Protein backbone atom coordinates (compact mmCIF):
# COMPACT_ATOMS: atom_id res chain seq x y z
CA UNK A 1 50.74 -40.66 71.37
CA UNK A 2 50.90 -43.84 69.40
CA UNK A 3 49.61 -47.43 69.52
CA UNK A 4 51.63 -50.62 69.11
CA UNK A 5 50.96 -52.76 66.09
CA UNK A 6 49.22 -55.98 66.19
CA UNK A 7 52.43 -57.92 66.45
CA UNK A 8 54.06 -55.52 68.82
CA UNK A 9 56.37 -54.09 66.25
CA UNK A 10 56.49 -50.51 65.06
CA UNK A 11 54.04 -48.06 66.79
CA UNK A 12 51.10 -46.98 64.70
CA UNK A 13 50.95 -43.15 64.44
CA UNK A 14 47.70 -41.91 65.88
CA UNK A 15 46.36 -39.72 63.03
CA UNK A 16 43.07 -37.92 63.04
CA UNK A 17 41.57 -40.97 61.36
CA UNK A 18 43.11 -43.26 64.00
CA UNK A 19 41.94 -41.09 66.80
CA UNK A 20 38.32 -41.27 65.47
CA UNK A 21 38.67 -45.12 65.08
CA UNK A 22 39.88 -45.27 68.69
CA UNK A 23 36.91 -43.25 69.82
CA UNK A 24 34.60 -45.52 67.93
CA UNK A 25 36.13 -48.53 69.67
CA UNK A 26 35.58 -46.93 73.02
CA UNK A 27 31.90 -46.27 72.18
CA UNK A 28 31.44 -49.87 71.06
CA UNK A 29 33.11 -51.24 74.25
CA UNK A 30 30.74 -49.16 76.40
CA UNK A 31 27.84 -50.33 74.44
CA UNK A 32 27.80 -53.77 76.18
CA UNK A 33 26.69 -52.01 79.43
CA UNK A 34 24.68 -49.15 77.96
CA UNK A 35 23.42 -48.45 74.44
CA UNK A 36 25.42 -45.72 72.81
CA UNK A 37 23.91 -42.33 72.30
CA UNK A 38 22.55 -41.94 68.83
CA UNK A 39 23.59 -38.27 68.46
CA UNK A 40 27.11 -39.02 69.71
CA UNK A 41 27.43 -41.93 67.22
CA UNK A 42 25.99 -39.80 64.33
CA UNK A 43 28.52 -36.96 64.96
CA UNK A 44 31.41 -39.46 65.36
CA UNK A 45 30.52 -41.31 62.16
CA UNK A 46 30.17 -38.06 60.26
CA UNK A 47 33.69 -36.96 61.33
CA UNK A 48 35.07 -40.41 60.41
CA UNK A 49 33.46 -40.13 56.93
CA UNK A 50 35.19 -36.68 56.54
CA UNK A 51 38.57 -38.08 57.77
CA UNK A 52 38.28 -40.81 55.20
CA UNK A 53 38.31 -38.21 52.44
CA UNK A 54 41.52 -36.79 53.78
CA UNK A 55 43.44 -39.74 54.99
CA UNK A 56 46.14 -41.32 52.71
CA UNK A 57 45.70 -44.96 51.81
CA UNK A 58 48.50 -46.10 54.06
CA UNK A 59 46.99 -44.60 57.16
CA UNK A 60 43.58 -46.14 56.25
CA UNK A 61 45.10 -49.61 55.88
CA UNK A 62 46.85 -49.38 59.25
CA UNK A 63 43.52 -48.80 60.92
CA UNK A 64 41.17 -50.55 58.52
CA UNK A 65 40.66 -53.88 60.41
CA UNK A 66 39.91 -52.04 63.70
CA UNK A 67 37.56 -49.76 62.07
CA UNK A 68 35.68 -52.38 60.23
CA UNK A 69 35.30 -54.45 63.42
CA UNK A 70 34.08 -51.42 65.30
CA UNK A 71 31.57 -50.43 62.63
CA UNK A 72 30.20 -53.98 62.48
CA UNK A 73 29.92 -54.26 66.33
CA UNK A 74 28.19 -50.86 66.40
CA UNK A 75 25.66 -52.21 63.81
CA UNK A 76 24.92 -55.53 65.49
CA UNK A 77 24.48 -53.94 68.89
CA UNK A 78 21.43 -52.16 67.32
CA UNK A 79 21.44 -48.61 66.01
CA UNK A 80 18.83 -46.22 64.69
CA UNK A 81 18.46 -45.79 60.87
CA UNK A 82 20.66 -42.64 60.38
CA UNK A 83 23.48 -44.32 62.36
CA UNK A 84 23.05 -47.52 60.28
CA UNK A 85 23.21 -45.64 57.12
CA UNK A 86 26.44 -43.75 58.02
CA UNK A 87 28.02 -46.88 59.53
CA UNK A 88 27.22 -48.84 56.33
CA UNK A 89 28.49 -46.10 54.10
CA UNK A 90 31.72 -45.89 56.12
CA UNK A 91 32.25 -49.62 55.87
CA UNK A 92 32.02 -49.57 52.08
CA UNK A 93 34.19 -46.57 51.75
CA UNK A 94 36.99 -47.80 54.04
CA UNK A 95 37.18 -51.04 52.07
CA UNK A 96 37.12 -49.11 48.83
CA UNK A 97 39.86 -46.64 49.79
CA UNK A 98 41.95 -49.08 51.91
CA UNK A 99 42.77 -52.77 51.14
CA UNK A 100 39.92 -54.18 49.00
CA UNK A 101 40.86 -57.73 49.69
CA UNK A 102 38.99 -57.50 52.97
CA UNK A 103 35.70 -57.32 51.09
CA UNK A 104 35.55 -61.12 51.03
CA UNK A 105 36.00 -61.78 54.77
CA UNK A 106 33.73 -58.87 55.76
CA UNK A 107 31.03 -60.01 53.46
CA UNK A 108 31.36 -63.51 54.79
CA UNK A 109 31.42 -62.28 58.43
CA UNK A 110 28.20 -60.34 57.95
CA UNK A 111 26.58 -63.25 56.15
CA UNK A 112 27.60 -65.66 58.86
CA UNK A 113 26.10 -63.41 61.59
CA UNK A 114 22.88 -63.10 59.69
CA UNK A 115 22.69 -66.87 59.16
CA UNK A 116 23.64 -67.91 62.70
CA UNK A 117 21.57 -65.42 64.63
CA UNK A 118 18.19 -66.84 65.85
CA UNK A 119 15.94 -64.07 66.90
CA UNK A 120 18.16 -60.93 67.30
CA UNK A 121 17.24 -57.35 67.85
CA UNK A 122 15.53 -56.13 64.64
CA UNK A 123 17.60 -53.06 64.45
CA UNK A 124 20.73 -55.27 64.55
CA UNK A 125 19.50 -57.49 61.69
CA UNK A 126 18.50 -54.32 59.69
CA UNK A 127 21.96 -52.89 60.27
CA UNK A 128 23.90 -55.91 59.23
CA UNK A 129 21.59 -56.21 56.05
CA UNK A 130 22.16 -52.70 55.20
CA UNK A 131 25.87 -52.89 55.68
CA UNK A 132 26.04 -56.15 53.48
CA UNK A 133 23.94 -54.32 50.93
CA UNK A 134 26.33 -51.53 50.78
CA UNK A 135 29.22 -53.90 50.21
CA UNK A 136 27.26 -55.70 47.34
CA UNK A 137 26.54 -52.29 45.84
CA UNK A 138 30.19 -51.43 45.62
CA UNK A 139 31.86 -54.83 45.19
CA UNK A 140 29.01 -57.17 43.97
CA UNK A 141 30.83 -58.62 40.96
CA UNK A 142 33.62 -59.80 43.34
CA UNK A 143 31.41 -61.77 45.64
CA UNK A 144 28.76 -63.32 43.36
CA UNK A 145 29.55 -66.69 44.94
CA UNK A 146 27.75 -65.63 47.98
CA UNK A 147 24.57 -64.57 46.19
CA UNK A 148 22.59 -67.77 46.88
CA UNK A 149 23.52 -67.40 50.64
CA UNK A 150 22.27 -63.74 50.57
CA UNK A 151 19.03 -64.76 48.88
CA UNK A 152 18.37 -67.33 51.61
CA UNK A 153 19.13 -64.58 54.21
CA UNK A 154 16.69 -62.16 52.62
CA UNK A 155 14.04 -64.95 52.87
CA UNK A 156 14.85 -65.40 56.52
CA UNK A 157 14.57 -61.70 57.24
CA UNK A 158 11.30 -61.35 55.37
CA UNK A 159 9.70 -63.42 58.27
CA UNK A 160 10.21 -60.62 60.73
CA UNK A 161 7.21 -58.75 61.91
CA UNK A 162 8.99 -55.34 61.87
CA UNK A 163 8.36 -53.72 58.46
CA UNK A 164 11.73 -51.87 58.41
CA UNK A 165 13.59 -55.27 58.71
CA UNK A 166 11.75 -56.59 55.65
CA UNK A 167 12.32 -53.31 53.85
CA UNK A 168 16.04 -53.46 54.56
CA UNK A 169 16.12 -57.16 53.55
CA UNK A 170 14.70 -56.18 50.08
CA UNK A 171 17.03 -53.25 49.83
CA UNK A 172 19.91 -55.78 50.38
CA UNK A 173 18.53 -57.93 47.68
CA UNK A 174 18.20 -54.91 45.30
CA UNK A 175 21.92 -54.02 45.91
CA UNK A 176 22.93 -57.62 45.62
CA UNK A 177 21.08 -58.04 42.24
CA UNK A 178 22.51 -54.73 40.73
CA UNK A 179 25.95 -55.13 42.24
CA UNK A 180 26.27 -58.72 40.85
CA UNK A 181 25.53 -57.43 37.35
CA UNK A 182 23.85 -60.82 36.44
CA UNK A 183 26.93 -62.79 37.00
CA UNK A 184 25.69 -65.04 39.86
CA UNK A 185 24.18 -68.56 39.77
CA UNK A 186 20.74 -69.10 38.18
CA UNK A 187 19.49 -70.70 41.28
CA UNK A 188 20.29 -67.56 43.30
CA UNK A 189 18.38 -65.28 41.04
CA UNK A 190 15.41 -67.65 40.81
CA UNK A 191 15.40 -67.75 44.66
CA UNK A 192 15.48 -64.04 44.69
CA UNK A 193 12.65 -63.69 42.30
CA UNK A 194 10.53 -66.14 44.28
CA UNK A 195 11.06 -64.15 47.47
CA UNK A 196 9.98 -60.93 45.76
CA UNK A 197 6.88 -62.45 44.14
CA UNK A 198 5.77 -64.54 47.05
CA UNK A 199 5.64 -61.95 49.70
CA UNK A 200 7.32 -58.59 48.79
CA UNK A 201 4.87 -57.21 46.27
CA UNK A 202 1.89 -58.04 48.41
CA UNK A 203 3.34 -57.07 51.87
CA UNK A 204 0.98 -55.27 54.16
CA UNK A 205 3.52 -52.34 54.67
CA UNK A 206 3.75 -49.91 51.78
CA UNK A 207 7.54 -49.36 52.35
CA UNK A 208 8.21 -53.14 51.75
CA UNK A 209 6.06 -53.09 48.58
CA UNK A 210 8.11 -50.07 47.35
CA UNK A 211 11.24 -52.00 48.02
CA UNK A 212 9.86 -55.11 46.17
CA UNK A 213 9.10 -53.03 43.11
CA UNK A 214 12.67 -51.60 43.22
CA UNK A 215 13.92 -55.21 43.19
CA UNK A 216 11.91 -56.02 40.10
CA UNK A 217 13.39 -53.01 38.36
CA UNK A 218 16.91 -54.11 39.48
CA UNK A 219 16.19 -57.41 37.76
CA UNK A 220 15.32 -55.62 34.56
CA UNK A 221 18.44 -53.44 34.88
CA UNK A 222 20.71 -56.51 34.86
CA UNK A 223 19.09 -58.35 32.14
CA UNK A 224 16.70 -60.58 34.00
CA UNK A 225 19.21 -63.35 34.67
CA UNK A 226 17.63 -66.76 35.13
CA UNK A 227 14.16 -65.49 34.19
CA UNK A 228 12.30 -66.62 31.15
CA UNK A 229 9.47 -64.89 29.27
CA UNK A 230 6.87 -66.54 31.60
CA UNK A 231 8.43 -64.97 34.73
CA UNK A 232 8.84 -61.54 32.91
CA UNK A 233 5.17 -61.67 31.86
CA UNK A 234 4.11 -62.61 35.41
CA UNK A 235 6.09 -59.86 37.03
CA UNK A 236 4.62 -57.31 34.53
CA UNK A 237 1.06 -58.41 35.44
CA UNK A 238 1.93 -57.94 39.02
CA UNK A 239 3.22 -54.53 38.34
CA UNK A 240 -0.06 -53.63 36.60
CA UNK A 241 -1.90 -54.69 39.58
CA UNK A 242 0.42 -52.65 41.83
CA UNK A 243 -0.60 -49.53 39.91
CA UNK A 244 -3.84 -49.60 41.65
CA UNK A 245 -2.27 -49.33 45.08
CA UNK A 246 -3.65 -46.79 47.48
CA UNK A 247 -0.14 -45.27 48.17
CA UNK A 248 1.26 -43.06 45.40
CA UNK A 249 4.93 -44.07 46.21
CA UNK A 250 4.04 -47.66 45.58
CA UNK A 251 2.29 -47.02 42.28
CA UNK A 252 5.14 -44.86 41.09
CA UNK A 253 7.72 -47.69 41.99
CA UNK A 254 5.62 -50.26 40.18
CA UNK A 255 5.22 -47.98 37.12
CA UNK A 256 9.02 -47.64 36.85
CA UNK A 257 9.45 -51.33 37.30
CA UNK A 258 6.89 -52.19 34.59
CA UNK A 259 8.54 -49.89 32.15
CA UNK A 260 11.90 -51.27 32.81
CA UNK A 261 10.84 -54.93 32.53
CA UNK A 262 8.83 -54.27 29.27
CA UNK A 263 11.82 -52.59 27.77
CA UNK A 264 13.86 -55.61 28.52
CA UNK A 265 11.23 -57.93 27.15
CA UNK A 266 11.15 -56.10 23.75
CA UNK A 267 15.00 -56.26 23.65
CA UNK A 268 15.81 -60.02 23.93
CA UNK A 269 19.51 -59.49 22.87
CA UNK A 270 19.83 -57.68 26.29
CA UNK A 271 18.48 -60.55 28.32
CA UNK A 272 21.07 -62.52 30.49
CA UNK A 273 21.09 -66.21 30.84
CA UNK A 274 22.94 -68.28 33.55
CA UNK A 275 26.47 -67.18 34.22
CA UNK A 276 25.93 -63.54 33.03
CA UNK A 277 25.89 -64.46 29.27
CA UNK A 278 23.74 -62.54 26.84
CA UNK A 279 20.92 -64.33 25.07
CA UNK A 280 21.59 -65.64 21.56
CA UNK A 281 19.97 -64.02 18.58
CA UNK A 282 17.09 -66.52 18.52
CA UNK A 283 15.81 -65.48 21.86
CA UNK A 284 12.01 -64.94 21.79
CA UNK A 285 10.83 -61.33 21.69
CA UNK A 286 7.70 -60.32 23.76
CA UNK A 287 5.80 -58.78 20.92
CA UNK A 288 2.40 -58.44 22.51
CA UNK A 289 3.67 -56.97 25.77
CA UNK A 290 2.76 -53.39 24.98
CA UNK A 291 -0.64 -54.33 23.91
CA UNK A 292 -1.25 -56.63 26.93
CA UNK A 293 0.37 -54.63 29.74
CA UNK A 294 0.04 -50.88 28.66
CA UNK A 295 -2.80 -50.56 26.21
CA UNK A 296 -5.60 -52.93 27.31
CA UNK A 297 -5.39 -52.09 30.99
CA UNK A 298 -5.71 -48.40 30.11
CA UNK A 299 -8.74 -48.99 27.80
CA UNK A 300 -10.43 -51.35 30.32
CA UNK A 301 -9.75 -49.09 33.36
CA UNK A 302 -13.01 -48.34 35.23
CA UNK A 303 -14.13 -47.81 38.75
CA UNK A 304 -12.69 -45.93 41.70
CA UNK A 305 -9.12 -46.79 40.75
CA UNK A 306 -9.33 -45.99 36.91
CA UNK A 307 -7.58 -42.72 37.31
CA UNK A 308 -4.77 -44.11 39.41
CA UNK A 309 -4.21 -46.99 36.91
CA UNK A 310 -4.19 -44.63 33.94
CA UNK A 311 -1.60 -42.31 35.57
CA UNK A 312 0.54 -45.32 36.49
CA UNK A 313 0.32 -46.72 32.93
CA UNK A 314 1.22 -43.33 31.52
CA UNK A 315 4.28 -43.20 33.74
CA UNK A 316 5.20 -46.79 32.70
CA UNK A 317 4.95 -45.64 29.05
CA UNK A 318 7.44 -42.85 29.78
CA UNK A 319 9.89 -45.14 31.64
CA UNK A 320 9.58 -47.73 28.94
CA UNK A 321 10.36 -45.16 26.18
CA UNK A 322 13.30 -43.73 28.11
CA UNK A 323 14.74 -47.11 28.72
CA UNK A 324 14.66 -48.31 25.13
CA UNK A 325 16.10 -44.97 24.02
CA UNK A 326 18.87 -44.42 26.67
CA UNK A 327 19.70 -47.98 27.72
CA UNK A 328 19.04 -50.10 24.67
CA UNK A 329 19.93 -47.58 22.10
CA UNK A 330 16.79 -47.10 20.16
CA UNK A 331 17.14 -44.19 17.88
CA UNK A 332 14.92 -41.18 18.57
CA UNK A 333 13.76 -41.35 14.94
CA UNK A 334 12.43 -44.90 15.69
CA UNK A 335 10.41 -43.77 18.80
CA UNK A 336 7.70 -42.39 16.64
CA UNK A 337 6.81 -45.95 15.54
CA UNK A 338 5.45 -46.40 19.20
CA UNK A 339 3.36 -43.23 19.01
CA UNK A 340 0.67 -44.91 16.96
CA UNK A 341 0.21 -47.52 19.64
CA UNK A 342 -0.08 -44.79 22.24
CA UNK A 343 -2.90 -43.14 20.41
CA UNK A 344 -4.62 -46.48 19.86
CA UNK A 345 -5.62 -45.95 23.50
CA UNK A 346 -8.13 -43.20 22.39
CA UNK A 347 -9.42 -44.91 19.23
CA UNK A 348 -12.24 -46.59 20.87
CA UNK A 349 -13.67 -43.48 22.57
CA UNK A 350 -16.48 -41.58 20.82
CA UNK A 351 -16.35 -38.62 23.11
CA UNK A 352 -13.21 -37.08 24.70
CA UNK A 353 -12.31 -38.16 28.23
CA UNK A 354 -10.30 -35.36 29.63
CA UNK A 355 -8.33 -37.54 31.97
CA UNK A 356 -7.45 -40.04 29.25
CA UNK A 357 -6.55 -37.18 26.91
CA UNK A 358 -4.28 -35.73 29.50
CA UNK A 359 -2.50 -39.04 30.13
CA UNK A 360 -1.86 -39.56 26.41
CA UNK A 361 -0.64 -36.00 25.92
CA UNK A 362 1.75 -36.52 28.82
CA UNK A 363 3.24 -39.65 27.13
CA UNK A 364 3.55 -37.96 23.78
CA UNK A 365 5.21 -34.96 25.17
CA UNK A 366 7.56 -36.47 27.78
CA UNK A 367 8.08 -39.88 26.27
CA UNK A 368 8.42 -38.83 22.70
CA UNK A 369 8.84 -35.07 21.93
CA UNK A 370 11.20 -34.17 24.78
CA UNK A 371 13.55 -37.10 23.97
CA UNK A 372 13.91 -36.09 20.28
CA UNK A 373 16.45 -33.95 18.71
CA UNK A 374 15.39 -30.89 16.74
CA UNK A 375 15.53 -32.65 13.33
CA UNK A 376 13.59 -35.63 14.64
CA UNK A 377 10.93 -33.33 16.17
CA UNK A 378 10.43 -31.92 12.66
CA UNK A 379 9.96 -35.48 11.26
CA UNK A 380 7.63 -36.27 14.16
CA UNK A 381 5.55 -33.20 13.38
CA UNK A 382 5.08 -34.20 9.75
CA UNK A 383 4.47 -37.82 10.71
CA UNK A 384 1.64 -36.84 13.14
CA UNK A 385 0.21 -34.29 10.76
CA UNK A 386 -0.21 -36.96 8.04
CA UNK A 387 -2.07 -39.20 10.41
CA UNK A 388 -4.83 -36.45 10.49
CA UNK A 389 -5.48 -37.32 6.86
CA UNK A 390 -6.90 -40.65 7.96
CA UNK A 391 -10.66 -40.94 7.97
CA UNK A 392 -10.53 -43.50 10.69
CA UNK A 393 -9.12 -41.18 13.30
CA UNK A 394 -11.56 -40.72 16.28
CA UNK A 395 -12.33 -37.19 17.67
CA UNK A 396 -10.25 -37.67 20.78
CA UNK A 397 -7.26 -38.90 18.75
CA UNK A 398 -7.45 -35.91 16.62
CA UNK A 399 -7.62 -33.44 19.57
CA UNK A 400 -4.51 -35.12 21.14
CA UNK A 401 -2.72 -35.10 17.83
CA UNK A 402 -3.46 -31.34 17.20
CA UNK A 403 -2.36 -30.43 20.77
CA UNK A 404 0.98 -32.16 20.42
CA UNK A 405 1.44 -30.46 17.01
CA UNK A 406 1.07 -27.20 18.83
CA UNK A 407 3.70 -28.19 21.28
CA UNK A 408 6.16 -29.42 18.61
CA UNK A 409 5.67 -26.16 16.66
CA UNK A 410 6.54 -24.04 19.69
CA UNK A 411 9.52 -26.28 20.50
CA UNK A 412 10.91 -26.07 17.07
CA UNK A 413 10.39 -22.32 16.71
CA UNK A 414 9.96 -22.88 12.88
CA UNK A 415 7.49 -24.50 10.46
CA UNK A 416 9.14 -27.24 8.35
CA UNK A 417 8.38 -26.98 4.59
CA UNK A 418 7.10 -30.57 4.62
CA UNK A 419 4.48 -29.51 7.14
CA UNK A 420 3.34 -26.54 5.19
CA UNK A 421 2.71 -28.87 2.22
CA UNK A 422 0.18 -30.89 4.18
CA UNK A 423 -1.48 -28.14 6.18
CA UNK A 424 -4.50 -27.57 4.11
CA UNK A 425 -5.37 -31.26 4.17
CA UNK A 426 -4.80 -31.74 7.84
CA UNK A 427 -5.09 -28.80 10.26
CA UNK A 428 -7.09 -26.57 8.05
CA UNK A 429 -9.46 -29.40 7.14
CA UNK A 430 -9.96 -30.12 10.88
CA UNK A 431 -11.69 -26.65 11.14
CA UNK A 432 -14.72 -28.31 9.44
CA UNK A 433 -14.78 -31.47 11.64
CA UNK A 434 -18.11 -32.42 13.23
CA UNK A 435 -16.60 -32.39 16.76
CA UNK A 436 -16.44 -28.87 18.31
CA UNK A 437 -13.37 -29.98 20.37
CA UNK A 438 -11.45 -30.83 17.19
CA UNK A 439 -12.36 -27.50 15.62
CA UNK A 440 -11.17 -25.54 18.60
CA UNK A 441 -8.02 -27.56 18.88
CA UNK A 442 -7.29 -27.00 15.05
CA UNK A 443 -7.77 -23.25 15.63
CA UNK A 444 -5.28 -23.30 18.55
CA UNK A 445 -2.78 -25.22 16.48
CA UNK A 446 -3.05 -22.56 13.70
CA UNK A 447 -2.54 -20.00 16.44
CA UNK A 448 0.72 -21.77 17.42
CA UNK A 449 1.69 -21.80 13.80
CA UNK A 450 1.08 -18.03 13.53
CA UNK A 451 3.16 -17.39 16.63
CA UNK A 452 6.08 -19.40 15.11
CA UNK A 453 5.75 -18.01 11.61
CA UNK A 454 3.90 -14.52 11.57
CA UNK A 455 4.25 -14.41 7.71
CA UNK A 456 1.49 -16.88 7.40
CA UNK A 457 -1.01 -14.81 9.40
CA UNK A 458 -2.06 -12.72 6.37
CA UNK A 459 -2.97 -15.79 4.42
CA UNK A 460 -4.81 -17.46 7.19
CA UNK A 461 -6.90 -14.43 7.76
CA UNK A 462 -7.65 -13.85 4.15
CA UNK A 463 -8.76 -17.51 3.76
CA UNK A 464 -10.90 -17.30 6.89
CA UNK A 465 -12.70 -14.16 5.95
CA UNK A 466 -13.23 -15.39 2.37
CA UNK A 467 -14.65 -18.65 3.58
CA UNK A 468 -16.87 -16.85 6.13
CA UNK A 469 -18.35 -14.70 3.38
CA UNK A 470 -18.85 -17.69 1.08
CA UNK A 471 -20.58 -19.74 3.84
CA UNK A 472 -22.84 -16.76 4.75
CA UNK A 473 -23.91 -16.38 1.10
CA UNK A 474 -24.59 -20.07 0.60
CA UNK A 475 -26.07 -21.02 4.05
CA UNK A 476 -29.55 -22.40 3.72
CA UNK A 477 -31.85 -24.19 6.09
CA UNK A 478 -33.10 -26.28 3.20
CA UNK A 479 -29.77 -28.19 2.76
CA UNK A 480 -30.57 -31.06 5.27
CA UNK A 481 -27.47 -32.88 6.34
CA UNK A 482 -25.16 -30.40 4.46
CA UNK A 483 -26.31 -27.67 6.89
CA UNK A 484 -24.59 -29.18 9.83
CA UNK A 485 -21.40 -29.40 7.94
CA UNK A 486 -21.63 -25.81 6.88
CA UNK A 487 -22.45 -24.61 10.40
CA UNK A 488 -19.41 -26.61 11.65
CA UNK A 489 -17.06 -24.97 8.94
CA UNK A 490 -18.58 -21.56 9.82
CA UNK A 491 -17.81 -22.17 13.60
CA UNK A 492 -14.25 -23.35 12.81
CA UNK A 493 -13.40 -20.37 10.68
CA UNK A 494 -14.77 -17.99 13.18
CA UNK A 495 -12.76 -19.60 15.93
CA UNK A 496 -9.51 -19.48 14.00
CA UNK A 497 -10.07 -15.80 13.33
CA UNK A 498 -10.81 -15.18 17.00
CA UNK A 499 -7.52 -16.84 17.98
CA UNK A 500 -5.58 -14.76 15.49
CA UNK A 501 -7.26 -11.68 16.81
CA UNK A 502 -6.26 -12.55 20.25
CA UNK A 503 -2.58 -12.96 19.58
CA UNK A 504 -2.27 -10.19 16.86
CA UNK A 505 -0.94 -7.61 19.42
CA UNK A 506 2.02 -10.01 20.06
CA UNK A 507 2.78 -10.58 16.39
CA UNK A 508 6.10 -9.05 15.15
CA UNK A 509 4.38 -7.93 11.93
CA UNK A 510 1.41 -6.38 13.62
CA UNK A 511 -2.29 -6.52 12.44
CA UNK A 512 -3.07 -7.90 9.07
CA UNK A 513 -4.70 -5.27 6.91
CA UNK A 514 -7.94 -7.28 6.60
CA UNK A 515 -8.53 -7.14 10.41
């Protein structure tokens, strides 16, 4: 069986793809009297997607216009979300595999429908928006001229009461932003930013707030076109506020957005001006962004939402570090410069806050250590070790540093010679610290050292036993303030010996003779 061409010329061979398009046309034609069955549409679109993978380009082009029209009609009649997703995906793929020139007319048709429609079925508007978003995702750089119209459409859809319509409107905006790559007009980007900030980030529905946060991240990914430092600063402040949201998905989305925007702010060369051009070398760098948006909110966090805010800021730190390393090319050896700023968070605390310690450790491990190559991890180990020599280090900061030293030692599987040179003045010296938490953590660091390099166990045991004997002989209650120091040293040496005893059965060289 075959169908005549549009002009009545040669018949069009009815391939599997063509047969599925004909079935889709039949479903759409029946939809005027009765809404199509969602399961039937889902199965049909799934088969159509499979046929697209197998059909040659010539066959797709023969049926492309009919298929596009049927898919759009199905969407504007109103369809459930799974059907909308499949239909939108099929629309993008058929243009991609067929004649790509139709992207202009199809995008224009969808925009025209969304502009002209007064108060249509919410599912129809959501379907058209999702389909247009898919087209922008695949062909955004070809249709940047329509970006201002798309921004206006998003503003119109944001007035709908149905949250899924507002969500799909912002997902359309996200796809339009990322698809355009920063090549649209400045007015379009400013309008998009205004829509996000005016209603999206404070929407009563959490799914809309998540979509708004993703739009802010999309802005950062394309270089923040049309936005100055004031807009970037405002968006980061809103992201910090979003980290206190009651819904974890919202907090995670704003954390990711904050990290991405801050990474852009400290890399002015990557910022885009009007017309998709990069900023010149004199562009202002947002130097105090880390202090203002990552450190101060963490230090000042209190009340019921303090833990949520700290966790969100920790995630933002990690996203920030990943972005500057993977997207903006910061060398892993340069990442350690930010480590000092991370540990500044704990400097003001006299006593360890377990939750704050856990957050900082997460940043140091995932944001720094896990991104580094093995040689850089060795350099980072020595860098952190030397920080312990400072007398200004607070007890929580020392605990954090010693814990990450243990992690680095186990990751490396060896002890760099430079670290051995500073061991006595750093980790061993910490065994006499006035804080019991520091002493215990120093003992655990030496245990990690012994696990990595069993040859040092004998020396550690000999030093510990000798020191214990000396302290026992000289300990006197008449020493006043020195008594506390000697008791701390006694506790530290006893603790490290206990940790070594605990791991001795696992050591390759067995028990040291002095045990």
